[in-house]
PDB file of N, CA and C in Angstrom:
ATOM      1  N   MET A   1     -34.958 125.332 196.738  1.00  0.00           N
ATOM      2  CA  MET A   1     -34.826 124.124 195.968  1.00  0.00           C
ATOM      3  C   MET A   1     -34.360 123.007 196.879  1.00  0.00           C
ATOM      4  N   GLY A   2     -34.994 121.858 196.761  1.00  0.00           N
ATOM      5  CA  GLY A   2     -34.627 120.712 197.577  1.00  0.00           C
ATOM      6  C   GLY A   2     -33.327 120.070 197.097  1.00  0.00           C
ATOM      7  N   LYS A   3     -32.805 119.231 197.933  1.00  0.00           N
ATOM      8  CA  LYS A   3     -31.547 118.553 197.631  1.00  0.00           C
ATOM      9  C   LYS A   3     -31.807 117.387 196.690  1.00  0.00           C
ATOM     10  N   LYS A   4     -31.045 117.313 195.604  1.00  0.00           N
ATOM     11  CA  LYS A   4     -31.106 116.179 194.685  1.00  0.00           C
ATOM     12  C   LYS A   4     -29.801 115.420 194.834  1.00  0.00           C
ATOM     13  N   GLU A   5     -29.885 114.110 194.823  1.00  0.00           N
ATOM     14  CA  GLU A   5     -28.688 113.312 195.049  1.00  0.00           C
ATOM     15  C   GLU A   5     -28.767 111.990 194.294  1.00  0.00           C
ATOM     16  N   VAL A   6     -27.673 111.603 193.683  1.00  0.00           N
ATOM     17  CA  VAL A   6     -27.511 110.290 193.081  1.00  0.00           C
ATOM     18  C   VAL A   6     -26.237 109.732 193.689  1.00  0.00           C
ATOM     19  N   GLU A   7     -26.313 108.565 194.275  1.00  0.00           N
ATOM     20  CA  GLU A   7     -25.168 107.997 194.971  1.00  0.00           C
ATOM     21  C   GLU A   7     -24.936 106.562 194.543  1.00  0.00           C
ATOM     22  N   PHE A   8     -23.686 106.179 194.469  1.00  0.00           N
ATOM     23  CA  PHE A   8     -23.321 104.795 194.158  1.00  0.00           C
ATOM     24  C   PHE A   8     -22.148 104.397 195.031  1.00  0.00           C
ATOM     25  N   LYS A   9     -22.246 103.251 195.634  1.00  0.00           N
ATOM     26  CA  LYS A   9     -21.143 102.655 196.383  1.00  0.00           C
ATOM     27  C   LYS A   9     -21.122 101.189 196.004  1.00  0.00           C
ATOM     28  N   GLY A  10     -19.965 100.671 195.685  1.00  0.00           N
ATOM     29  CA  GLY A  10     -19.869  99.270 195.330  1.00  0.00           C
ATOM     30  C   GLY A  10     -18.468  98.925 194.873  1.00  0.00           C
ATOM     31  N   ILE A  11     -18.279  97.678 194.577  1.00  0.00           N
ATOM     32  CA  ILE A  11     -16.988  97.187 194.104  1.00  0.00           C
ATOM     33  C   ILE A  11     -17.108  96.988 192.598  1.00  0.00           C
ATOM     34  N   VAL A  12     -16.189  97.602 191.862  1.00  0.00           N
ATOM     35  CA  VAL A  12     -16.184  97.508 190.405  1.00  0.00           C
ATOM     36  C   VAL A  12     -14.799  97.068 189.940  1.00  0.00           C
ATOM     37  N   LYS A  13     -14.747  96.613 188.713  1.00  0.00           N
ATOM     38  CA  LYS A  13     -13.455  96.256 188.127  1.00  0.00           C
ATOM     39  C   LYS A  13     -12.717  97.540 187.775  1.00  0.00           C
ATOM     40  N   LEU A  14     -11.405  97.473 187.782  1.00  0.00           N
ATOM     41  CA  LEU A  14     -10.586  98.642 187.466  1.00  0.00           C
ATOM     42  C   LEU A  14     -10.944  99.190 186.088  1.00  0.00           C
ATOM     43  N   GLU A  15     -11.207  98.327 185.134  1.00  0.00           N
ATOM     44  CA  GLU A  15     -11.583  98.738 183.783  1.00  0.00           C
ATOM     45  C   GLU A  15     -12.853  99.613 183.802  1.00  0.00           C
ATOM     46  N   GLN A  16     -13.823  99.244 184.632  1.00  0.00           N
ATOM     47  CA  GLN A  16     -15.052 100.026 184.754  1.00  0.00           C
ATOM     48  C   GLN A  16     -14.767 101.396 185.374  1.00  0.00           C
ATOM     49  N   LEU A  17     -13.906 101.411 186.372  1.00  0.00           N
ATOM     50  CA  LEU A  17     -13.528 102.672 187.008  1.00  0.00           C
ATOM     51  C   LEU A  17     -12.847 103.592 186.006  1.00  0.00           C
ATOM     52  N   LEU A  18     -11.955 103.034 185.199  1.00  0.00           N
ATOM     53  CA  LEU A  18     -11.270 103.842 184.192  1.00  0.00           C
ATOM     54  C   LEU A  18     -12.253 104.471 183.219  1.00  0.00           C
ATOM     55  N   THR A  19     -13.258 103.718 182.806  1.00  0.00           N
ATOM     56  CA  THR A  19     -14.286 104.258 181.914  1.00  0.00           C
ATOM     57  C   THR A  19     -15.023 105.409 182.584  1.00  0.00           C
ATOM     58  N   CYS A  20     -15.385 105.248 183.861  1.00  0.00           N
ATOM     59  CA  CYS A  20     -16.064 106.325 184.601  1.00  0.00           C
ATOM     60  C   CYS A  20     -15.195 107.578 184.684  1.00  0.00           C
ATOM     61  N   LEU A  21     -13.913 107.407 184.960  1.00  0.00           N
ATOM     62  CA  LEU A  21     -13.016 108.556 185.076  1.00  0.00           C
ATOM     63  C   LEU A  21     -12.812 109.246 183.734  1.00  0.00           C
ATOM     64  N   GLU A  22     -12.734 108.466 182.661  1.00  0.00           N
ATOM     65  CA  GLU A  22     -12.616 109.049 181.322  1.00  0.00           C
ATOM     66  C   GLU A  22     -13.881 109.831 180.969  1.00  0.00           C
ATOM     67  N   ASP A  23     -15.053 109.283 181.318  1.00  0.00           N
ATOM     68  CA  ASP A  23     -16.318 109.979 181.079  1.00  0.00           C
ATOM     69  C   ASP A  23     -16.391 111.264 181.905  1.00  0.00           C
ATOM     70  N   LEU A  24     -15.919 111.212 183.134  1.00  0.00           N
ATOM     71  CA  LEU A  24     -15.891 112.398 183.989  1.00  0.00           C
ATOM     72  C   LEU A  24     -15.004 113.480 183.377  1.00  0.00           C
ATOM     73  N   ALA A  25     -13.814 113.096 182.922  1.00  0.00           N
ATOM     74  CA  ALA A  25     -12.899 114.062 182.304  1.00  0.00           C
ATOM     75  C   ALA A  25     -13.529 114.677 181.051  1.00  0.00           C
ATOM     76  N   ALA A  26     -14.191 113.860 180.240  1.00  0.00           N
ATOM     77  CA  ALA A  26     -14.854 114.375 179.035  1.00  0.00           C
ATOM     78  C   ALA A  26     -15.975 115.346 179.415  1.00  0.00           C
ATOM     79  N   GLY A  27     -16.736 115.018 180.446  1.00  0.00           N
ATOM     80  CA  GLY A  27     -17.808 115.900 180.909  1.00  0.00           C
ATOM     81  C   GLY A  27     -17.279 117.220 181.434  1.00  0.00           C
ATOM     82  N   LEU A  28     -16.186 117.180 182.181  1.00  0.00           N
ATOM     83  CA  LEU A  28     -15.579 118.417 182.687  1.00  0.00           C
ATOM     84  C   LEU A  28     -15.134 119.306 181.527  1.00  0.00           C
ATOM     85  N   LYS A  29     -14.561 118.692 180.495  1.00  0.00           N
ATOM     86  CA  LYS A  29     -14.113 119.467 179.337  1.00  0.00           C
ATOM     87  C   LYS A  29     -15.294 120.100 178.608  1.00  0.00           C
ATOM     88  N   LYS A  30     -16.429 119.390 178.539  1.00  0.00           N
ATOM     89  CA  LYS A  30     -17.618 119.911 177.855  1.00  0.00           C
ATOM     90  C   LYS A  30     -18.420 120.873 178.725  1.00  0.00           C
ATOM     91  N   GLY A  31     -18.233 120.795 180.043  1.00  0.00           N
ATOM     92  CA  GLY A  31     -18.969 121.672 180.945  1.00  0.00           C
ATOM     93  C   GLY A  31     -20.281 121.094 181.432  1.00  0.00           C
ATOM     94  N   VAL A  32     -20.491 119.792 181.251  1.00  0.00           N
ATOM     95  CA  VAL A  32     -21.712 119.127 181.717  1.00  0.00           C
ATOM     96  C   VAL A  32     -21.352 117.725 182.192  1.00  0.00           C
ATOM     97  N   ILE A  33     -21.790 117.395 183.398  1.00  0.00           N
ATOM     98  CA  ILE A  33     -21.587 116.050 183.928  1.00  0.00           C
ATOM     99  C   ILE A  33     -22.951 115.466 184.248  1.00  0.00           C
ATOM    100  N   CYS A  34     -23.286 114.367 183.610  1.00  0.00           N
ATOM    101  CA  CYS A  34     -24.561 113.685 183.866  1.00  0.00           C
ATOM    102  C   CYS A  34     -24.276 112.473 184.737  1.00  0.00           C
ATOM    103  N   VAL A  35     -24.867 112.444 185.917  1.00  0.00           N
ATOM    104  CA  VAL A  35     -24.707 111.317 186.834  1.00  0.00           C
ATOM    105  C   VAL A  35     -26.032 110.568 186.829  1.00  0.00           C
ATOM    106  N   GLN A  36     -25.989 109.317 186.411  1.00  0.00           N
ATOM    107  CA  GLN A  36     -27.226 108.549 186.275  1.00  0.00           C
ATOM    108  C   GLN A  36     -27.083 107.196 186.958  1.00  0.00           C
ATOM    109  N   LYS A  37     -28.133 106.836 187.675  1.00  0.00           N
ATOM    110  CA  LYS A  37     -28.230 105.519 188.308  1.00  0.00           C
ATOM    111  C   LYS A  37     -29.677 105.083 188.157  1.00  0.00           C
ATOM    112  N   GLY A  38     -29.895 104.115 187.289  1.00  0.00           N
ATOM    113  CA  GLY A  38     -31.267 103.693 187.008  1.00  0.00           C
ATOM    114  C   GLY A  38     -32.042 104.843 186.400  1.00  0.00           C
ATOM    115  N   ALA A  39     -33.228 105.143 186.954  1.00  0.00           N
ATOM    116  CA  ALA A  39     -34.063 106.237 186.450  1.00  0.00           C
ATOM    117  C   ALA A  39     -33.624 107.589 187.007  1.00  0.00           C
ATOM    118  N   GLU A  40     -32.785 107.583 188.046  1.00  0.00           N
ATOM    119  CA  GLU A  40     -32.319 108.837 188.644  1.00  0.00           C
ATOM    120  C   GLU A  40     -31.251 109.465 187.754  1.00  0.00           C
ATOM    121  N   CYS A  41     -31.336 110.766 187.565  1.00  0.00           N
ATOM    122  CA  CYS A  41     -30.342 111.477 186.760  1.00  0.00           C
ATOM    123  C   CYS A  41     -30.137 112.860 187.347  1.00  0.00           C
ATOM    124  N   LEU A  42     -28.896 113.227 187.495  1.00  0.00           N
ATOM    125  CA  LEU A  42     -28.543 114.543 188.001  1.00  0.00           C
ATOM    126  C   LEU A  42     -27.549 115.165 187.028  1.00  0.00           C
ATOM    127  N   ILE A  43     -27.869 116.348 186.535  1.00  0.00           N
ATOM    128  CA  ILE A  43     -26.992 117.033 185.584  1.00  0.00           C
ATOM    129  C   ILE A  43     -26.277 118.154 186.317  1.00  0.00           C
ATOM    130  N   LEU A  44     -24.961 118.080 186.327  1.00  0.00           N
ATOM    131  CA  LEU A  44     -24.127 119.075 187.001  1.00  0.00           C
ATOM    132  C   LEU A  44     -23.464 119.962 185.957  1.00  0.00           C
ATOM    133  N   THR A  45     -23.352 121.240 186.289  1.00  0.00           N
ATOM    134  CA  THR A  45     -22.686 122.193 185.407  1.00  0.00           C
ATOM    135  C   THR A  45     -21.487 122.764 186.156  1.00  0.00           C
ATOM    136  N   PRO A  46     -20.297 122.239 185.872  1.00  0.00           N
ATOM    137  CA  PRO A  46     -19.107 122.730 186.574  1.00  0.00           C
ATOM    138  C   PRO A  46     -18.837 124.201 186.278  1.00  0.00           C
ATOM    139  N   THR A  47     -18.350 124.912 187.269  1.00  0.00           N
ATOM    140  CA  THR A  47     -17.958 126.309 187.108  1.00  0.00           C
ATOM    141  C   THR A  47     -16.473 126.342 186.753  1.00  0.00           C
ATOM    142  N   ASP A  48     -15.962 127.514 186.398  1.00  0.00           N
ATOM    143  CA  ASP A  48     -14.549 127.594 186.022  1.00  0.00           C
ATOM    144  C   ASP A  48     -13.626 127.546 187.239  1.00  0.00           C
ATOM    145  N   ARG A  49     -14.154 127.719 188.414  1.00  0.00           N
ATOM    146  CA  ARG A  49     -13.391 127.569 189.660  1.00  0.00           C
ATOM    147  C   ARG A  49     -13.960 126.379 190.412  1.00  0.00           C
ATOM    148  N   VAL A  50     -13.088 125.507 190.853  1.00  0.00           N
ATOM    149  CA  VAL A  50     -13.509 124.265 191.497  1.00  0.00           C
ATOM    150  C   VAL A  50     -12.799 124.136 192.836  1.00  0.00           C
ATOM    151  N   GLN A  51     -13.580 123.852 193.864  1.00  0.00           N
ATOM    152  CA  GLN A  51     -12.975 123.554 195.156  1.00  0.00           C
ATOM    153  C   GLN A  51     -12.578 122.086 195.090  1.00  0.00           C
ATOM    154  N   LEU A  52     -11.313 121.790 195.295  1.00  0.00           N
ATOM    155  CA  LEU A  52     -10.785 120.442 195.115  1.00  0.00           C
ATOM    156  C   LEU A  52     -10.206 119.907 196.412  1.00  0.00           C
ATOM    157  N   GLU A  53     -10.580 118.685 196.734  1.00  0.00           N
ATOM    158  CA  GLU A  53     -10.009 117.998 197.897  1.00  0.00           C
ATOM    159  C   GLU A  53      -9.508 116.637 197.429  1.00  0.00           C
ATOM    160  N   VAL A  54      -8.248 116.353 197.728  1.00  0.00           N
ATOM    161  CA  VAL A  54      -7.645 115.067 197.385  1.00  0.00           C
ATOM    162  C   VAL A  54      -7.064 114.473 198.651  1.00  0.00           C
ATOM    163  N   GLU A  55      -7.344 113.204 198.864  1.00  0.00           N
ATOM    164  CA  GLU A  55      -6.820 112.514 200.046  1.00  0.00           C
ATOM    165  C   GLU A  55      -6.334 111.128 199.625  1.00  0.00           C
ATOM    166  N   ALA A  56      -5.108 110.820 199.975  1.00  0.00           N
ATOM    167  CA  ALA A  56      -4.548 109.488 199.715  1.00  0.00           C
ATOM    168  C   ALA A  56      -4.067 108.940 201.047  1.00  0.00           C
ATOM    169  N   GLN A  57      -4.380 107.679 201.296  1.00  0.00           N
ATOM    170  CA  GLN A  57      -4.080 107.076 202.592  1.00  0.00           C
ATOM    171  C   GLN A  57      -3.640 105.637 202.382  1.00  0.00           C
ATOM    172  N   GLU A  58      -2.655 105.222 203.156  1.00  0.00           N
ATOM    173  CA  GLU A  58      -2.176 103.845 203.072  1.00  0.00           C
ATOM    174  C   GLU A  58      -2.097 103.270 204.477  1.00  0.00           C
ATOM    175  N   LYS A  59      -2.741 102.126 204.644  1.00  0.00           N
ATOM    176  CA  LYS A  59      -2.683 101.407 205.915  1.00  0.00           C
ATOM    177  C   LYS A  59      -2.090 100.035 205.640  1.00  0.00           C
ATOM    178  N   LYS A  60      -2.004  99.207 206.646  1.00  0.00           N
ATOM    179  CA  LYS A  60      -1.380  97.890 206.492  1.00  0.00           C
ATOM    180  C   LYS A  60      -1.931  97.089 205.312  1.00  0.00           C
ATOM    181  N   ASP A  61      -3.228  96.895 205.268  1.00  0.00           N
ATOM    182  CA  ASP A  61      -3.795  96.003 204.256  1.00  0.00           C
ATOM    183  C   ASP A  61      -4.711  96.708 203.257  1.00  0.00           C
ATOM    184  N   LYS A  62      -4.719  98.057 203.249  1.00  0.00           N
ATOM    185  CA  LYS A  62      -5.587  98.739 202.293  1.00  0.00           C
ATOM    186  C   LYS A  62      -5.070 100.137 201.993  1.00  0.00           C
ATOM    187  N   THR A  63      -5.364 100.568 200.776  1.00  0.00           N
ATOM    188  CA  THR A  63      -5.058 101.938 200.384  1.00  0.00           C
ATOM    189  C   THR A  63      -6.369 102.623 200.019  1.00  0.00           C
ATOM    190  N   LYS A  64      -6.384 103.932 200.169  1.00  0.00           N
ATOM    191  CA  LYS A  64      -7.603 104.685 199.922  1.00  0.00           C
ATOM    192  C   LYS A  64      -7.237 105.961 199.173  1.00  0.00           C
ATOM    193  N   PHE A  65      -8.080 106.304 198.197  1.00  0.00           N
ATOM    194  CA  PHE A  65      -7.895 107.531 197.441  1.00  0.00           C
ATOM    195  C   PHE A  65      -9.250 108.207 197.301  1.00  0.00           C
ATOM    196  N   LYS A  66      -9.336 109.454 197.730  1.00  0.00           N
ATOM    197  CA  LYS A  66     -10.586 110.206 197.639  1.00  0.00           C
ATOM    198  C   LYS A  66     -10.350 111.462 196.821  1.00  0.00           C
ATOM    199  N   LEU A  67     -11.312 111.749 195.957  1.00  0.00           N
ATOM    200  CA  LEU A  67     -11.276 112.957 195.146  1.00  0.00           C
ATOM    201  C   LEU A  67     -12.646 113.609 195.256  1.00  0.00           C
ATOM    202  N   GLU A  68     -12.670 114.836 195.738  1.00  0.00           N
ATOM    203  CA  GLU A  68     -13.938 115.547 195.894  1.00  0.00           C
ATOM    204  C   GLU A  68     -13.840 116.903 195.213  1.00  0.00           C
ATOM    205  N   MET A  69     -14.851 117.197 194.409  1.00  0.00           N
ATOM    206  CA  MET A  69     -14.908 118.481 193.713  1.00  0.00           C
ATOM    207  C   MET A  69     -16.209 119.175 194.083  1.00  0.00           C
ATOM    208  N   THR A  70     -16.137 120.473 194.335  1.00  0.00           N
ATOM    209  CA  THR A  70     -17.327 121.261 194.623  1.00  0.00           C
ATOM    210  C   THR A  70     -17.392 122.396 193.614  1.00  0.00           C
ATOM    211  N   PHE A  71     -18.540 122.486 192.951  1.00  0.00           N
ATOM    212  CA  PHE A  71     -18.777 123.548 191.970  1.00  0.00           C
ATOM    213  C   PHE A  71     -19.836 124.470 192.562  1.00  0.00           C
ATOM    214  N   LYS A  72     -19.489 125.718 192.740  1.00  0.00           N
ATOM    215  CA  LYS A  72     -20.496 126.674 193.198  1.00  0.00           C
ATOM    216  C   LYS A  72     -20.046 128.069 192.818  1.00  0.00           C
ATOM    217  N   GLY A  73     -21.014 128.907 192.595  1.00  0.00           N
ATOM    218  CA  GLY A  73     -20.710 130.294 192.275  1.00  0.00           C
ATOM    219  C   GLY A  73     -20.122 130.985 193.493  1.00  0.00           C
ATOM    220  N   GLY A  74     -19.348 132.007 193.239  1.00  0.00           N
ATOM    221  CA  GLY A  74     -18.812 132.796 194.341  1.00  0.00           C
ATOM    222  C   GLY A  74     -17.537 132.245 194.952  1.00  0.00           C
ATOM    223  N   LEU A  75     -16.971 131.183 194.371  1.00  0.00           N
ATOM    224  CA  LEU A  75     -15.687 130.727 194.891  1.00  0.00           C
ATOM    225  C   LEU A  75     -14.666 131.831 194.645  1.00  0.00           C
ATOM    226  N   GLU A  76     -13.811 132.046 195.595  1.00  0.00           N
ATOM    227  CA  GLU A  76     -12.829 133.123 195.494  1.00  0.00           C
ATOM    228  C   GLU A  76     -12.045 132.979 194.199  1.00  0.00           C
ATOM    229  N   ALA A  77     -12.039 134.025 193.419  1.00  0.00           N
ATOM    230  CA  ALA A  77     -11.394 133.993 192.106  1.00  0.00           C
ATOM    231  C   ALA A  77      -9.915 134.340 192.221  1.00  0.00           C
ATOM    232  N   ARG A  78      -9.173 133.500 192.850  1.00  0.00           N
ATOM    233  CA  ARG A  78      -7.724 133.712 192.945  1.00  0.00           C
ATOM    234  C   ARG A  78      -7.034 132.476 192.390  1.00  0.00           C
ATOM    235  N   ASP A  79      -5.937 132.689 191.734  1.00  0.00           N
ATOM    236  CA  ASP A  79      -5.189 131.564 191.192  1.00  0.00           C
ATOM    237  C   ASP A  79      -4.375 130.956 192.312  1.00  0.00           C
ATOM    238  N   MET A  80      -4.487 129.651 192.413  1.00  0.00           N
ATOM    239  CA  MET A  80      -3.800 128.927 193.472  1.00  0.00           C
ATOM    240  C   MET A  80      -2.899 127.897 192.820  1.00  0.00           C
ATOM    241  N   GLU A  81      -1.676 127.850 193.246  1.00  0.00           N
ATOM    242  CA  GLU A  81      -0.744 126.882 192.687  1.00  0.00           C
ATOM    243  C   GLU A  81      -1.040 125.510 193.286  1.00  0.00           C
ATOM    244  N   LEU A  82      -1.131 124.509 192.413  1.00  0.00           N
ATOM    245  CA  LEU A  82      -1.314 123.145 192.909  1.00  0.00           C
ATOM    246  C   LEU A  82       0.000 122.699 193.525  1.00  0.00           C
ATOM    247  N   ASN A  83      -0.037 122.282 194.765  1.00  0.00           N
ATOM    248  CA  ASN A  83       1.179 121.834 195.428  1.00  0.00           C
ATOM    249  C   ASN A  83       1.210 120.316 195.559  1.00  0.00           C
ATOM    250  N   PHE A  84       0.547 119.648 194.634  1.00  0.00           N
ATOM    251  CA  PHE A  84       0.587 118.201 194.585  1.00  0.00           C
ATOM    252  C   PHE A  84       0.475 117.779 193.136  1.00  0.00           C
ATOM    253  N   LYS A  85       0.743 116.517 192.875  1.00  0.00           N
ATOM    254  CA  LYS A  85       0.697 116.015 191.510  1.00  0.00           C
ATOM    255  C   LYS A  85       0.155 114.595 191.528  1.00  0.00           C
ATOM    256  N   LEU A  86      -0.679 114.279 190.548  1.00  0.00           N
ATOM    257  CA  LEU A  86      -1.126 112.910 190.344  1.00  0.00           C
ATOM    258  C   LEU A  86      -0.332 112.374 189.159  1.00  0.00           C
ATOM    259  N   ALA A  87       0.293 111.226 189.313  1.00  0.00           N
ATOM    260  CA  ALA A  87       1.124 110.671 188.251  1.00  0.00           C
ATOM    261  C   ALA A  87       1.040 109.147 188.269  1.00  0.00           C
ATOM    262  N   SER A  88       1.456 108.549 187.173  1.00  0.00           N
ATOM    263  CA  SER A  88       1.419 107.085 187.081  1.00  0.00           C
ATOM    264  C   SER A  88       2.735 106.446 187.506  1.00  0.00           C
ATOM    265  N   GLU A  89       3.763 107.268 187.737  1.00  0.00           N
ATOM    266  CA  GLU A  89       5.055 106.745 188.174  1.00  0.00           C
ATOM    267  C   GLU A  89       5.606 107.615 189.293  1.00  0.00           C
ATOM    268  N   PRO A  90       6.373 107.014 190.202  1.00  0.00           N
ATOM    269  CA  PRO A  90       6.976 107.826 191.269  1.00  0.00           C
ATOM    270  C   PRO A  90       8.007 108.779 190.675  1.00  0.00           C
ATOM    271  N   PRO A  91       8.295 109.865 191.365  1.00  0.00           N
ATOM    272  CA  PRO A  91       9.273 110.817 190.845  1.00  0.00           C
ATOM    273  C   PRO A  91      10.664 110.197 190.795  1.00  0.00           C
ATOM    274  N   ALA A  92      11.468 110.668 189.851  1.00  0.00           N
ATOM    275  CA  ALA A  92      12.849 110.196 189.745  1.00  0.00           C
ATOM    276  C   ALA A  92      13.637 110.752 190.919  1.00  0.00           C
ATOM    277  N   PRO A  93      14.579 109.970 191.431  1.00  0.00           N
ATOM    278  CA  PRO A  93      15.392 110.495 192.532  1.00  0.00           C
ATOM    279  C   PRO A  93      16.234 111.665 192.038  1.00  0.00           C
ATOM    280  N   PRO A  94      16.526 112.612 192.922  1.00  0.00           N
ATOM    281  CA  PRO A  94      17.321 113.764 192.499  1.00  0.00           C
ATOM    282  C   PRO A  94      18.699 113.319 192.020  1.00  0.00           C
ATOM    283  N   LEU A  95      19.203 113.947 190.959  1.00  0.00           N
ATOM    284  CA  LEU A  95      20.516 113.586 190.429  1.00  0.00           C
ATOM    285  C   LEU A  95      21.625 114.019 191.370  1.00  0.00           C
ATOM    286  N   GLU A  96      21.401 115.098 192.070  1.00  0.00           N
ATOM    287  CA  GLU A  96      22.436 115.644 192.929  1.00  0.00           C
ATOM    288  C   GLU A  96      21.859 115.866 194.321  1.00  0.00           C
ATOM    289  N   GLU A  97      22.420 115.202 195.302  1.00  0.00           N
ATOM    290  CA  GLU A  97      21.960 115.413 196.669  1.00  0.00           C
ATOM    291  C   GLU A  97      22.822 116.485 197.299  1.00  0.00           C
ATOM    292  N   ALA A  98      22.309 117.128 198.311  1.00  0.00           N
ATOM    293  CA  ALA A  98      23.007 118.234 198.963  1.00  0.00           C
ATOM    294  C   ALA A  98      24.394 117.798 199.411  1.00  0.00           C
ATOM    295  N   GLY A  99      25.438 118.526 198.952  1.00  0.00           N
ATOM    296  CA  GLY A  99      26.794 118.258 199.382  1.00  0.00           C
ATOM    297  C   GLY A  99      27.460 117.102 198.660  1.00  0.00           C
ATOM    298  N   THR A 100      26.795 116.389 197.813  1.00  0.00           N
ATOM    299  CA  THR A 100      27.385 115.244 197.132  1.00  0.00           C
ATOM    300  C   THR A 100      27.249 115.426 195.636  1.00  0.00           C
ATOM    301  N   ARG A 101      28.371 115.360 194.952  1.00  0.00           N
ATOM    302  CA  ARG A 101      28.340 115.445 193.494  1.00  0.00           C
ATOM    303  C   ARG A 101      28.918 114.160 192.936  1.00  0.00           C
ATOM    304  N   GLU A 102      28.209 113.615 192.023  1.00  0.00           N
ATOM    305  CA  GLU A 102      28.666 112.373 191.404  1.00  0.00           C
ATOM    306  C   GLU A 102      28.711 112.597 189.904  1.00  0.00           C
ATOM    307  N   THR A 103      29.869 112.354 189.317  1.00  0.00           N
ATOM    308  CA  THR A 103      29.965 112.510 187.876  1.00  0.00           C
ATOM    309  C   THR A 103      29.894 111.140 187.238  1.00  0.00           C
ATOM    310  N   VAL A 104      29.241 111.094 186.138  1.00  0.00           N
ATOM    311  CA  VAL A 104      29.106 109.847 185.408  1.00  0.00           C
ATOM    312  C   VAL A 104      29.851 110.009 184.099  1.00  0.00           C
ATOM    313  N   GLU A 105      30.827 109.118 183.888  1.00  0.00           N
ATOM    314  CA  GLU A 105      31.575 109.181 182.645  1.00  0.00           C
ATOM    315  C   GLU A 105      30.857 108.361 181.599  1.00  0.00           C
ATOM    316  N   LYS A 106      30.758 108.963 180.425  1.00  0.00           N
ATOM    317  CA  LYS A 106      30.135 108.255 179.317  1.00  0.00           C
ATOM    318  C   LYS A 106      31.194 107.404 178.640  1.00  0.00           C
ATOM    319  N   GLU A 107      30.828 106.187 178.330  1.00  0.00           N
ATOM    320  CA  GLU A 107      31.739 105.323 177.595  1.00  0.00           C
ATOM    321  C   GLU A 107      31.673 105.684 176.133  1.00  0.00           C
ATOM    322  N   GLU A 108      32.849 105.903 175.556  1.00  0.00           N
ATOM    323  CA  GLU A 108      32.912 106.179 174.128  1.00  0.00           C
ATOM    324  C   GLU A 108      32.822 104.850 173.393  1.00  0.00           C
ATOM    325  N   PRO A 109      32.039 104.794 172.336  1.00  0.00           N
ATOM    326  CA  PRO A 109      31.950 103.541 171.593  1.00  0.00           C
ATOM    327  C   PRO A 109      33.282 103.228 170.928  1.00  0.00           C
ATOM    328  N   GLU A 110      33.631 101.947 170.913  1.00  0.00           N
ATOM    329  CA  GLU A 110      34.874 101.522 170.277  1.00  0.00           C
ATOM    330  C   GLU A 110      34.769 101.750 168.788  1.00  0.00           C
ATOM    331  N   GLU A 111      35.902 102.203 168.212  1.00  0.00           N
ATOM    332  CA  GLU A 111      35.896 102.361 166.762  1.00  0.00           C
ATOM    333  C   GLU A 111      36.035 100.990 166.150  1.00  0.00           C
ATOM    334  N   LYS A 112      35.219 100.740 165.189  1.00  0.00           N
ATOM    335  CA  LYS A 112      35.170  99.440 164.557  1.00  0.00           C
ATOM    336  C   LYS A 112      35.748  99.574 163.159  1.00  0.00           C
ATOM    337  N   ALA A 113      36.574  98.594 162.791  1.00  0.00           N
ATOM    338  CA  ALA A 113      37.128  98.600 161.435  1.00  0.00           C
ATOM    339  C   ALA A 113      35.987  98.428 160.447  1.00  0.00           C
ATOM    340  N   PRO A 114      36.049  99.128 159.320  1.00  0.00           N
ATOM    341  CA  PRO A 114      34.969  99.007 158.350  1.00  0.00           C
ATOM    342  C   PRO A 114      34.900  97.598 157.776  1.00  0.00           C
ATOM    343  N   ASP A 115      33.692  97.152 157.496  1.00  0.00           N
ATOM    344  CA  ASP A 115      33.512  95.851 156.875  1.00  0.00           C
ATOM    345  C   ASP A 115      34.012  95.925 155.439  1.00  0.00           C
ATOM    346  N   ILE A 116      34.821  94.947 155.073  1.00  0.00           N
ATOM    347  CA  ILE A 116      35.363  94.913 153.715  1.00  0.00           C
ATOM    348  C   ILE A 116      34.828  93.671 153.028  1.00  0.00           C
ATOM    349  N   GLU A 117      34.276  93.869 151.884  1.00  0.00           N
ATOM    350  CA  GLU A 117      33.755  92.755 151.088  1.00  0.00           C
ATOM    351  C   GLU A 117      34.942  91.998 150.514  1.00  0.00           C
ATOM    352  N   PRO A 118      34.825  90.669 150.345  1.00  0.00           N
ATOM    353  CA  PRO A 118      35.921  89.886 149.768  1.00  0.00           C
ATOM    354  C   PRO A 118      36.387  90.418 148.415  1.00  0.00           C
ATOM    355  N   SER A 119      35.523  90.975 147.639  1.00  0.00           N
ATOM    356  CA  SER A 119      35.890  91.478 146.315  1.00  0.00           C
ATOM    357  C   SER A 119      36.778  92.715 146.404  1.00  0.00           C
ATOM    358  N   GLN A 120      36.832  93.333 147.601  1.00  0.00           N
ATOM    359  CA  GLN A 120      37.639  94.540 147.757  1.00  0.00           C
ATOM    360  C   GLN A 120      39.086  94.207 148.136  1.00  0.00           C
ATOM    361  N   HIS A 121      39.375  92.919 148.446  1.00  0.00           N
ATOM    362  CA  HIS A 121      40.749  92.506 148.750  1.00  0.00           C
ATOM    363  C   HIS A 121      41.547  92.478 147.462  1.00  0.00           C
ATOM    364  N   TYR A 122      42.841  92.729 147.543  1.00  0.00           N
ATOM    365  CA  TYR A 122      43.659  92.648 146.344  1.00  0.00           C
ATOM    366  C   TYR A 122      44.648  91.523 146.488  1.00  0.00           C
ATOM    367  N   ASN A 123      45.081  90.982 145.433  1.00  0.00           N
ATOM    368  CA  ASN A 123      46.060  89.888 145.431  1.00  0.00           C
ATOM    369  C   ASN A 123      47.447  90.484 145.295  1.00  0.00           C
ATOM    370  N   ARG A 124      48.418  89.867 145.980  1.00  0.00           N
ATOM    371  CA  ARG A 124      49.789  90.336 145.893  1.00  0.00           C
ATOM    372  C   ARG A 124      50.507  89.620 144.836  1.00  0.00           C
TER     373      ARG A 124
END
């Protein structure tokens, strides 16, 4: 079988990229990814094991993020722990650093006198 390929390179708005990524996630969940550019169409069928490559790079004036997935039969069927995480926020700093303990005292709320309606006052 010959090689079939659909390729796109270009500058898009972030909103367009988000739509593409959401469509990709939906396709992965369904087990079918349709890649179309004009009249060209390539239908991919992801396997339950995926070879995954993630690369993030930061230089002076540009950042780069690459995500590559390979679907093929015969990938070694072993469970591998992901030793990285994709997140929308940086991790929280550790509460306790080695050798240093810091206790935080909670402030107790001041007791407030109950509100008394004028009708509850008594005359002497």
